Amino acid sequence: MKRPAWTTEMRTAAGIFLASLLAGGGVSAQTADLVSSTTFRVCADPANLPLSGQKTKGFENEIAELLAERLDRPLETTWFPMGPGFIRKTLRAGLCDVVIGYAQGDELVQNTNHYYTSVYVLVTRSDDPLAKVQTLSDPALQGKHIGIVAGTPPATHVAVNGLMALAKPYPLIVDRRVQDPARDMLADLKSGAIDAAILWGPIGGPLTKGDAALTVIPLLKETASPKLFYRITMGVRPSDQDWKRELNSLIRRNQDELDAILREAGVPLVDDQGSALKETAP
């Protein structure tokens, strides 16, 4: 999710991402016996909707509930704002045993096998000709005001395609309890302050689900670097090899249910190459 580290644009992302991009702190030795054998212990941001929330559930909360049920253990959540030091103060401090959403490849955690792949999306007003755009190099975007979360991968594409001069940046590192850049961006899109918005799919998809006024376009046709699709895993401590294998088995056995939760939330699921939407199970 964790929200690409995204909060979570890139925990993505977001934040996806956001866990991967934001988490920080020193490395300390941990032992496998920190993993609880009686409770499914999760670390999560209390205000990182649509991914996680303490007052209102996000889709990562639902995934945690599913896995706790499959393990036949009660769910215990440690709430802590996503940001610098998140992993050091939660997972590595032994307060929990897993972060539900974490971008593949980050060195602060050991990654499980990925349980979904998603992609950045372009969001436009449905009655706007831009709703037909499929790449950020489309000439139709020239001269338009585009919302972009600063420091995220698509910002490079925006700059390379000459769109940055008129772009409106939104902050990446914020306390989501008091700021919500993604919702602010979508509000600006609806008001006409910007012409299009670029968001991490697991954020933009759920936030626009059911809103006929907005069109969501997964950016599947972008071939330039950096890539705009990311595989999302669960993060565990580097020492917890047996726990990682147990979670990998859990993911494999419950993949259809995980996909169902993500689809119901509105997350755009793509194949592992980020080139096409993932087909539903037969």
C-alpha atoms as a PDB file:
ATOM      1  CA  MET A   1       0.000   0.000   0.000  1.00  0.00           C
ATOM      2  CA  LYS A   2       1.704   0.941   2.228  1.00  0.00           C
ATOM      3  CA  ARG A   3       1.089   4.484   0.166  1.00  0.00           C
ATOM      4  CA  PRO A   4       4.230   2.784  -4.890  1.00  0.00           C
ATOM      5  CA  ALA A   5       6.247   4.295  -0.381  1.00  0.00           C
ATOM      6  CA  TRP A   6       2.993   4.675  -1.399  1.00  0.00           C
ATOM      7  CA  THR A   7       1.774   7.328   2.203  1.00  0.00           C
ATOM      8  CA  THR A   8       1.217   6.881   0.239  1.00  0.00           C
ATOM      9  CA  GLU A   9       1.181   7.909  -3.145  1.00  0.00           C
ATOM     10  CA  MET A  10       3.696   5.373  -3.550  1.00  0.00           C
ATOM     11  CA  ARG A  11       3.783   3.017  -0.871  1.00  0.00           C
ATOM     12  CA  THR A  12       3.487   3.321  -3.585  1.00  0.00           C
ATOM     13  CA  ALA A  13       2.937   4.304  -4.625  1.00  0.00           C
ATOM     14  CA  ALA A  14       0.989   6.329  -2.360  1.00  0.00           C
ATOM     15  CA  GLY A  15       1.730   5.981  -1.024  1.00  0.00           C
ATOM     16  CA  ILE A  16       2.042   3.402  -2.798  1.00  0.00           C
ATOM     17  CA  PHE A  17       4.425   3.302  -2.098  1.00  0.00           C
ATOM     18  CA  LEU A  18       4.281   5.820   0.404  1.00  0.00           C
ATOM     19  CA  ALA A  19       5.594   3.309   2.899  1.00  0.00           C
ATOM     20  CA  SER A  20       8.520   2.677   0.607  1.00  0.00           C
ATOM     21  CA  LEU A  21       9.100   6.357  -0.094  1.00  0.00           C
ATOM     22  CA  LEU A  22       8.479   7.723   3.363  1.00  0.00           C
ATOM     23  CA  ALA A  23       9.584   5.123   5.875  1.00  0.00           C
ATOM     24  CA  GLY A  24      12.963   5.757   7.360  1.00  0.00           C
ATOM     25  CA  GLY A  25      15.189   5.016  10.272  1.00  0.00           C
ATOM     26  CA  GLY A  26      18.140   2.934  11.321  1.00  0.00           C
ATOM     27  CA  VAL A  27      18.595  -0.791  10.925  1.00  0.00           C
ATOM     28  CA  SER A  28      18.689  -2.903  14.053  1.00  0.00           C
ATOM     29  CA  ALA A  29      18.952  -6.642  14.505  1.00  0.00           C
ATOM     30  CA  GLN A  30      15.644  -8.400  15.040  1.00  0.00           C
ATOM     31  CA  THR A  31      14.862 -12.007  15.780  1.00  0.00           C
ATOM     32  CA  ALA A  32      12.143 -14.220  14.382  1.00  0.00           C
ATOM     33  CA  ASP A  33      10.691 -14.820  17.834  1.00  0.00           C
ATOM     34  CA  LEU A  34       9.224 -11.308  17.709  1.00  0.00           C
ATOM     35  CA  VAL A  35       6.467 -12.679  15.490  1.00  0.00           C
ATOM     36  CA  SER A  36       3.351 -13.385  17.524  1.00  0.00           C
ATOM     37  CA  SER A  37       1.996 -16.910  17.281  1.00  0.00           C
ATOM     38  CA  THR A  38      -1.368 -15.950  18.760  1.00  0.00           C
ATOM     39  CA  THR A  39      -2.248 -12.596  17.160  1.00  0.00           C
ATOM     40  CA  PHE A  40      -2.062 -11.193  13.618  1.00  0.00           C
ATOM     41  CA  ARG A  41      -0.244  -7.928  14.337  1.00  0.00           C
ATOM     42  CA  VAL A  42      -0.382  -5.202  11.678  1.00  0.00           C
ATOM     43  CA  CYS A  43       1.118  -1.701  11.467  1.00  0.00           C
ATOM     44  CA  ALA A  44      -1.032   0.862   9.644  1.00  0.00           C
ATOM     45  CA  ASP A  45      -1.553   4.578   9.160  1.00  0.00           C
ATOM     46  CA  PRO A  46      -4.741   5.745  10.944  1.00  0.00           C
ATOM     47  CA  ALA A  47      -5.600   8.296   8.247  1.00  0.00           C
ATOM     48  CA  ASN A  48      -4.379   6.927   4.940  1.00  0.00           C
ATOM     49  CA  LEU A  49      -7.695   6.348   3.190  1.00  0.00           C
ATOM     50  CA  PRO A  50      -8.583   4.752   0.874  1.00  0.00           C
ATOM     51  CA  LEU A  51      -5.796   2.366   1.908  1.00  0.00           C
ATOM     52  CA  SER A  52      -6.059   2.318   5.710  1.00  0.00           C
ATOM     53  CA  GLY A  53      -8.031   4.129   8.371  1.00  0.00           C
ATOM     54  CA  GLN A  54      -8.727   3.854  12.074  1.00  0.00           C
ATOM     55  CA  LYS A  55     -12.210   5.408  12.077  1.00  0.00           C
ATOM     56  CA  THR A  56     -13.223   4.320   8.579  1.00  0.00           C
ATOM     57  CA  LYS A  57     -11.836   1.116   7.104  1.00  0.00           C
ATOM     58  CA  GLY A  58      -9.707   1.146   3.989  1.00  0.00           C
ATOM     59  CA  PHE A  59      -9.093  -1.810   1.709  1.00  0.00           C
ATOM     60  CA  GLU A  60      -5.861  -2.710   3.505  1.00  0.00           C
ATOM     61  CA  ASN A  61      -7.860  -3.037   6.724  1.00  0.00           C
ATOM     62  CA  GLU A  62     -10.182  -5.458   4.948  1.00  0.00           C
ATOM     63  CA  ILE A  63      -7.214  -7.467   3.702  1.00  0.00           C
ATOM     64  CA  ALA A  64      -5.809  -7.626   7.230  1.00  0.00           C
ATOM     65  CA  GLU A  65      -9.155  -8.885   8.505  1.00  0.00           C
ATOM     66  CA  LEU A  66      -9.261 -11.576   5.807  1.00  0.00           C
ATOM     67  CA  LEU A  67      -5.766 -12.824   6.603  1.00  0.00           C
ATOM     68  CA  ALA A  68      -6.392 -12.810  10.358  1.00  0.00           C
ATOM     69  CA  GLU A  69      -9.494 -14.905   9.749  1.00  0.00           C
ATOM     70  CA  ARG A  70      -7.578 -17.361   7.573  1.00  0.00           C
ATOM     71  CA  LEU A  71      -4.897 -17.674  10.250  1.00  0.00           C
ATOM     72  CA  ASP A  72      -7.580 -18.058  12.915  1.00  0.00           C
ATOM     73  CA  ARG A  73      -5.980 -15.316  14.988  1.00  0.00           C
ATOM     74  CA  PRO A  74      -7.411 -12.044  16.320  1.00  0.00           C
ATOM     75  CA  LEU A  75      -6.330  -8.935  14.444  1.00  0.00           C
ATOM     76  CA  GLU A  76      -4.284  -6.407  16.398  1.00  0.00           C
ATOM     77  CA  THR A  77      -3.453  -3.102  14.688  1.00  0.00           C
ATOM     78  CA  THR A  78      -0.777  -0.647  15.775  1.00  0.00           C
ATOM     79  CA  TRP A  79      -1.737   2.766  14.410  1.00  0.00           C
ATOM     80  CA  PHE A  80       1.119   5.109  13.515  1.00  0.00           C
ATOM     81  CA  PRO A  81       1.285   7.956  10.958  1.00  0.00           C
ATOM     82  CA  MET A  82       3.125   7.004   7.783  1.00  0.00           C
ATOM     83  CA  GLY A  83       6.263   9.072   7.459  1.00  0.00           C
ATOM     84  CA  PRO A  84       9.981   9.124   8.232  1.00  0.00           C
ATOM     85  CA  GLY A  85      10.762   6.536  10.885  1.00  0.00           C
ATOM     86  CA  PHE A  86       7.537   4.592  10.414  1.00  0.00           C
ATOM     87  CA  ILE A  87       9.233   1.208   9.964  1.00  0.00           C
ATOM     88  CA  ARG A  88      11.824   1.813  12.671  1.00  0.00           C
ATOM     89  CA  LYS A  89       9.213   2.805  15.228  1.00  0.00           C
ATOM     90  CA  THR A  90       6.695   0.073  14.434  1.00  0.00           C
ATOM     91  CA  LEU A  91       7.786  -3.070  12.590  1.00  0.00           C
ATOM     92  CA  ARG A  92      11.439  -3.013  13.654  1.00  0.00           C
ATOM     93  CA  ALA A  93      10.488  -2.026  17.193  1.00  0.00           C
ATOM     94  CA  GLY A  94       8.500  -5.262  17.476  1.00  0.00           C
ATOM     95  CA  LEU A  95       5.119  -3.554  17.839  1.00  0.00           C
ATOM     96  CA  CYS A  96       3.719  -5.507  14.887  1.00  0.00           C
ATOM     97  CA  ASP A  97       4.728  -8.185  12.402  1.00  0.00           C
ATOM     98  CA  VAL A  98       3.589  -6.975   8.987  1.00  0.00           C
ATOM     99  CA  VAL A  99       2.798  -3.902   6.892  1.00  0.00           C
ATOM    100  CA  ILE A 100      -0.027  -4.855   4.530  1.00  0.00           C
ATOM    101  CA  GLY A 101       0.968  -2.663   1.565  1.00  0.00           C
ATOM    102  CA  TYR A 102       4.612  -2.132   0.625  1.00  0.00           C
ATOM    103  CA  ALA A 103       6.214  -1.555  -2.762  1.00  0.00           C
ATOM    104  CA  GLN A 104       8.443  -4.380  -3.976  1.00  0.00           C
ATOM    105  CA  GLY A 105      12.166  -3.785  -3.771  1.00  0.00           C
ATOM    106  CA  ASP A 106      12.498  -1.409  -0.830  1.00  0.00           C
ATOM    107  CA  GLU A 107      15.396  -2.246   1.479  1.00  0.00           C
ATOM    108  CA  LEU A 108      13.811  -1.202   4.771  1.00  0.00           C
ATOM    109  CA  VAL A 109      11.721  -4.348   4.917  1.00  0.00           C
ATOM    110  CA  GLN A 110      11.773  -7.881   3.584  1.00  0.00           C
ATOM    111  CA  ASN A 111       9.107  -8.215   0.912  1.00  0.00           C
ATOM    112  CA  THR A 112       6.686 -11.079   0.631  1.00  0.00           C
ATOM    113  CA  ASN A 113       5.597 -12.155  -2.813  1.00  0.00           C
ATOM    114  CA  HIS A 114       3.526  -9.404  -4.372  1.00  0.00           C
ATOM    115  CA  TYR A 115      -0.236  -9.785  -4.065  1.00  0.00           C
ATOM    116  CA  TYR A 116      -1.210  -7.187  -6.630  1.00  0.00           C
ATOM    117  CA  THR A 117       0.207  -4.916  -9.299  1.00  0.00           C
ATOM    118  CA  SER A 118      -1.245  -1.508 -10.042  1.00  0.00           C
ATOM    119  CA  VAL A 119      -0.453   1.553 -12.096  1.00  0.00           C
ATOM    120  CA  TYR A 120      -0.701   5.324 -12.022  1.00  0.00           C
ATOM    121  CA  VAL A 121      -3.863   6.772 -13.535  1.00  0.00           C
ATOM    122  CA  LEU A 122      -4.856   9.934 -15.327  1.00  0.00           C
ATOM    123  CA  VAL A 123      -8.160  11.345 -14.052  1.00  0.00           C
ATOM    124  CA  THR A 124     -10.161  13.763 -16.191  1.00  0.00           C
ATOM    125  CA  ARG A 125     -13.645  15.222 -16.250  1.00  0.00           C
ATOM    126  CA  SER A 126     -15.838  12.815 -18.187  1.00  0.00           C
ATOM    127  CA  ASP A 127     -17.229  15.549 -20.460  1.00  0.00           C
ATOM    128  CA  ASP A 128     -13.735  16.751 -21.398  1.00  0.00           C
ATOM    129  CA  PRO A 129     -11.991  15.621 -24.632  1.00  0.00           C
ATOM    130  CA  LEU A 130      -9.023  14.726 -22.410  1.00  0.00           C
ATOM    131  CA  ALA A 131     -11.030  11.691 -21.291  1.00  0.00           C
ATOM    132  CA  LYS A 132      -9.742   9.994 -24.459  1.00  0.00           C
ATOM    133  CA  VAL A 133      -6.056  10.554 -23.621  1.00  0.00           C
ATOM    134  CA  GLN A 134      -4.067   7.373 -22.898  1.00  0.00           C
ATOM    135  CA  THR A 135      -0.483   8.624 -22.613  1.00  0.00           C
ATOM    136  CA  LEU A 136       1.186  11.648 -21.059  1.00  0.00           C
ATOM    137  CA  SER A 137       2.854  12.377 -24.405  1.00  0.00           C
ATOM    138  CA  ASP A 138      -0.518  12.987 -26.079  1.00  0.00           C
ATOM    139  CA  PRO A 139      -0.490  16.461 -27.732  1.00  0.00           C
ATOM    140  CA  ALA A 140      -3.948  17.099 -26.254  1.00  0.00           C
ATOM    141  CA  LEU A 141      -2.275  17.663 -22.864  1.00  0.00           C
ATOM    142  CA  GLN A 142      -0.137  20.526 -24.129  1.00  0.00           C
ATOM    143  CA  GLY A 143      -1.170  23.829 -22.577  1.00  0.00           C
ATOM    144  CA  LYS A 144      -3.225  22.077 -19.884  1.00  0.00           C
ATOM    145  CA  HIS A 145      -2.963  22.396 -16.127  1.00  0.00           C
ATOM    146  CA  ILE A 146      -2.188  18.983 -14.670  1.00  0.00           C
ATOM    147  CA  GLY A 147      -2.193  18.040 -11.009  1.00  0.00           C
ATOM    148  CA  ILE A 148       0.783  15.940  -9.928  1.00  0.00           C
ATOM    149  CA  VAL A 149       2.115  14.774  -6.579  1.00  0.00           C
ATOM    150  CA  ALA A 150       5.633  16.169  -6.353  1.00  0.00           C
ATOM    151  CA  GLY A 151       8.449  13.640  -6.328  1.00  0.00           C
ATOM    152  CA  THR A 152       6.446  10.707  -7.693  1.00  0.00           C
ATOM    153  CA  PRO A 153       7.483   8.805 -10.862  1.00  0.00           C
ATOM    154  CA  PRO A 154       4.954  10.384 -13.241  1.00  0.00           C
ATOM    155  CA  ALA A 155       6.357  13.824 -12.373  1.00  0.00           C
ATOM    156  CA  THR A 156       9.357  12.888 -14.531  1.00  0.00           C
ATOM    157  CA  HIS A 157       7.043  12.089 -17.441  1.00  0.00           C
ATOM    158  CA  VAL A 158       5.257  15.399 -16.956  1.00  0.00           C
ATOM    159  CA  ALA A 159       8.583  17.244 -17.109  1.00  0.00           C
ATOM    160  CA  VAL A 160       9.924  15.309 -20.120  1.00  0.00           C
ATOM    161  CA  ASN A 161       6.728  16.000 -22.063  1.00  0.00           C
ATOM    162  CA  GLY A 162       6.952  19.734 -21.401  1.00  0.00           C
ATOM    163  CA  LEU A 163       3.924  19.881 -19.123  1.00  0.00           C
ATOM    164  CA  MET A 164       5.574  21.015 -15.910  1.00  0.00           C
ATOM    165  CA  ALA A 165       5.361  24.771 -16.487  1.00  0.00           C
ATOM    166  CA  LEU A 166       1.568  24.727 -16.122  1.00  0.00           C
ATOM    167  CA  ALA A 167       1.378  21.783 -13.714  1.00  0.00           C
ATOM    168  CA  LYS A 168       0.097  22.209 -10.171  1.00  0.00           C
ATOM    169  CA  PRO A 169       2.180  20.286  -7.620  1.00  0.00           C
ATOM    170  CA  TYR A 170       0.688  18.679  -4.530  1.00  0.00           C
ATOM    171  CA  PRO A 171       2.800  17.567  -1.540  1.00  0.00           C
ATOM    172  CA  LEU A 172       3.944  13.987  -1.102  1.00  0.00           C
ATOM    173  CA  ILE A 173       5.054  13.996   2.523  1.00  0.00           C
ATOM    174  CA  VAL A 174       2.162  15.150   4.683  1.00  0.00           C
ATOM    175  CA  ASP A 175       0.364  14.193   7.862  1.00  0.00           C
ATOM    176  CA  ARG A 176      -2.745  12.635   6.387  1.00  0.00           C
ATOM    177  CA  ARG A 177      -4.645  13.367   9.594  1.00  0.00           C
ATOM    178  CA  VAL A 178      -4.679  17.049   8.611  1.00  0.00           C
ATOM    179  CA  GLN A 179      -3.934  17.091   4.855  1.00  0.00           C
ATOM    180  CA  ASP A 180      -5.275  15.054   1.951  1.00  0.00           C
ATOM    181  CA  PRO A 181      -3.478  15.979  -1.293  1.00  0.00           C
ATOM    182  CA  ALA A 182      -5.318  13.415  -3.425  1.00  0.00           C
ATOM    183  CA  ARG A 183      -8.776  14.639  -2.443  1.00  0.00           C
ATOM    184  CA  ASP A 184      -7.596  18.234  -2.838  1.00  0.00           C
ATOM    185  CA  MET A 185      -6.397  17.427  -6.346  1.00  0.00           C
ATOM    186  CA  LEU A 186      -9.708  15.836  -7.317  1.00  0.00           C
ATOM    187  CA  ALA A 187     -11.636  18.795  -5.887  1.00  0.00           C
ATOM    188  CA  ASP A 188      -9.504  21.122  -8.018  1.00  0.00           C
ATOM    189  CA  LEU A 189     -10.216  18.951 -11.060  1.00  0.00           C
ATOM    190  CA  LYS A 190     -13.961  19.171 -10.531  1.00  0.00           C
ATOM    191  CA  SER A 191     -13.827  22.929  -9.967  1.00  0.00           C
ATOM    192  CA  GLY A 192     -11.807  23.509 -13.132  1.00  0.00           C
ATOM    193  CA  ALA A 193      -8.678  24.720 -11.326  1.00  0.00           C
ATOM    194  CA  ILE A 194      -6.792  21.929 -13.113  1.00  0.00           C
ATOM    195  CA  ASP A 195      -7.610  20.034 -16.299  1.00  0.00           C
ATOM    196  CA  ALA A 196      -6.385  16.564 -15.304  1.00  0.00           C
ATOM    197  CA  ALA A 197      -4.968  14.752 -12.288  1.00  0.00           C
ATOM    198  CA  ILE A 198      -2.322  12.039 -12.045  1.00  0.00           C
ATOM    199  CA  LEU A 199      -2.635   9.736  -9.050  1.00  0.00           C
ATOM    200  CA  TRP A 200      -1.390   6.344  -7.905  1.00  0.00           C
ATOM    201  CA  GLY A 201      -4.090   3.894  -8.986  1.00  0.00           C
ATOM    202  CA  PRO A 202      -4.884   2.454  -5.521  1.00  0.00           C
ATOM    203  CA  ILE A 203      -5.636   6.010  -4.418  1.00  0.00           C
ATOM    204  CA  GLY A 204      -7.226   7.528  -7.517  1.00  0.00           C
ATOM    205  CA  GLY A 205      -9.342   4.494  -8.381  1.00  0.00           C
ATOM    206  CA  PRO A 206     -11.125   4.139  -5.027  1.00  0.00           C
ATOM    207  CA  LEU A 207     -11.548   7.908  -4.566  1.00  0.00           C
ATOM    208  CA  THR A 208     -13.349   8.236  -7.903  1.00  0.00           C
ATOM    209  CA  LYS A 209     -15.299   4.974  -7.856  1.00  0.00           C
ATOM    210  CA  GLY A 210     -18.928   5.543  -8.776  1.00  0.00           C
ATOM    211  CA  ASP A 211     -18.355   9.198  -9.726  1.00  0.00           C
ATOM    212  CA  ALA A 212     -19.759   9.537 -13.245  1.00  0.00           C
ATOM    213  CA  ALA A 213     -18.347  13.062 -13.521  1.00  0.00           C
ATOM    214  CA  LEU A 214     -14.789  11.697 -13.595  1.00  0.00           C
ATOM    215  CA  THR A 215     -13.015   9.277 -15.932  1.00  0.00           C
ATOM    216  CA  VAL A 216     -10.037   7.202 -14.762  1.00  0.00           C
ATOM    217  CA  ILE A 217      -7.469   6.137 -17.368  1.00  0.00           C
ATOM    218  CA  PRO A 218      -4.802   3.613 -16.289  1.00  0.00           C
ATOM    219  CA  LEU A 219      -1.501   4.711 -17.834  1.00  0.00           C
ATOM    220  CA  LEU A 220      -0.731   1.322 -19.378  1.00  0.00           C
ATOM    221  CA  LYS A 221       0.893   2.593 -22.564  1.00  0.00           C
ATOM    222  CA  GLU A 222       3.777   4.506 -21.031  1.00  0.00           C
ATOM    223  CA  THR A 223       7.036   2.856 -22.107  1.00  0.00           C
ATOM    224  CA  ALA A 224       9.581   5.474 -21.021  1.00  0.00           C
ATOM    225  CA  SER A 225      11.336   5.440 -17.663  1.00  0.00           C
ATOM    226  CA  PRO A 226      10.547   5.561 -14.861  1.00  0.00           C
ATOM    227  CA  LYS A 227       7.924   2.861 -14.967  1.00  0.00           C
ATOM    228  CA  LEU A 228       4.435   3.740 -13.761  1.00  0.00           C
ATOM    229  CA  PHE A 229       3.334   0.308 -12.538  1.00  0.00           C
ATOM    230  CA  TYR A 230       4.431  -1.280  -9.268  1.00  0.00           C
ATOM    231  CA  ARG A 231       4.084  -4.619  -7.551  1.00  0.00           C
ATOM    232  CA  ILE A 232       2.759  -4.376  -4.015  1.00  0.00           C
ATOM    233  CA  THR A 233       3.842  -6.810  -1.327  1.00  0.00           C
ATOM    234  CA  MET A 234       3.572  -7.124   2.426  1.00  0.00           C
ATOM    235  CA  GLY A 235       6.566  -5.941   4.441  1.00  0.00           C
ATOM    236  CA  VAL A 236       8.126  -7.989   7.250  1.00  0.00           C
ATOM    237  CA  ARG A 237      11.375  -7.827   9.212  1.00  0.00           C
ATOM    238  CA  PRO A 238      14.471  -9.064   7.313  1.00  0.00           C
ATOM    239  CA  SER A 239      15.054 -11.788   9.901  1.00  0.00           C
ATOM    240  CA  ASP A 240      11.562 -13.287   9.694  1.00  0.00           C
ATOM    241  CA  GLN A 241      12.088 -15.910   6.997  1.00  0.00           C
ATOM    242  CA  ASP A 242       9.557 -18.452   8.272  1.00  0.00           C
ATOM    243  CA  TRP A 243       6.948 -15.724   8.667  1.00  0.00           C
ATOM    244  CA  LYS A 244       7.561 -14.514   5.127  1.00  0.00           C
ATOM    245  CA  ARG A 245       7.048 -18.030   3.795  1.00  0.00           C
ATOM    246  CA  GLU A 246       3.852 -18.396   5.815  1.00  0.00           C
ATOM    247  CA  LEU A 247       2.505 -15.140   4.398  1.00  0.00           C
ATOM    248  CA  ASN A 248       3.518 -16.152   0.857  1.00  0.00           C
ATOM    249  CA  SER A 249       1.491 -19.326   1.258  1.00  0.00           C
ATOM    250  CA  LEU A 250      -1.417 -17.336   2.682  1.00  0.00           C
ATOM    251  CA  ILE A 251      -1.334 -14.928  -0.266  1.00  0.00           C
ATOM    252  CA  ARG A 252      -1.230 -17.775  -2.788  1.00  0.00           C
ATOM    253  CA  ARG A 253      -4.150 -19.627  -1.236  1.00  0.00           C
ATOM    254  CA  ASN A 254      -6.308 -16.517  -0.941  1.00  0.00           C
ATOM    255  CA  GLN A 255      -5.390 -14.615  -4.113  1.00  0.00           C
ATOM    256  CA  ASP A 256      -8.926 -14.642  -5.507  1.00  0.00           C
ATOM    257  CA  GLU A 257     -10.320 -13.174  -2.283  1.00  0.00           C
ATOM    258  CA  LEU A 258      -7.570 -10.538  -2.216  1.00  0.00           C
ATOM    259  CA  ASP A 259      -8.355  -9.573  -5.803  1.00  0.00           C
ATOM    260  CA  ALA A 260     -12.051  -9.331  -4.929  1.00  0.00           C
ATOM    261  CA  ILE A 261     -11.378  -6.896  -2.081  1.00  0.00           C
ATOM    262  CA  LEU A 262      -9.161  -4.748  -4.297  1.00  0.00           C
ATOM    263  CA  ARG A 263     -11.615  -4.707  -7.200  1.00  0.00           C
ATOM    264  CA  GLU A 264     -14.527  -3.851  -4.918  1.00  0.00           C
ATOM    265  CA  ALA A 265     -12.503  -0.928  -3.558  1.00  0.00           C
ATOM    266  CA  GLY A 266     -11.875   0.349  -7.083  1.00  0.00           C
ATOM    267  CA  VAL A 267      -8.148  -0.443  -7.327  1.00  0.00           C
ATOM    268  CA  PRO A 268      -7.058  -0.862 -10.976  1.00  0.00           C
ATOM    269  CA  LEU A 269      -5.347  -4.262 -11.120  1.00  0.00           C
ATOM    270  CA  VAL A 270      -2.887  -4.881 -13.943  1.00  0.00           C
ATOM    271  CA  ASP A 271      -0.774  -7.814 -15.080  1.00  0.00           C
ATOM    272  CA  ASP A 272       2.752  -8.198 -13.740  1.00  0.00           C
ATOM    273  CA  GLN A 273       4.206  -6.402 -16.768  1.00  0.00           C
ATOM    274  CA  GLY A 274       1.918  -3.403 -16.295  1.00  0.00           C
ATOM    275  CA  SER A 275       0.729  -3.667 -19.888  1.00  0.00           C
ATOM    276  CA  ALA A 276      -2.927  -4.680 -19.507  1.00  0.00           C
ATOM    277  CA  LEU A 277      -5.694  -4.840 -16.948  1.00  0.00           C
ATOM    278  CA  LYS A 278      -5.696  -8.089 -15.003  1.00  0.00           C
ATOM    279  CA  GLU A 279      -8.393 -10.487 -16.059  1.00  0.00           C
ATOM    280  CA  THR A 280     -10.895 -11.665 -13.478  1.00  0.00           C
ATOM    281  CA  ALA A 281     -10.688 -15.245 -12.291  1.00  0.00           C
ATOM    282  CA  PRO A 282     -12.884 -17.685 -14.294  1.00  0.00           C
END
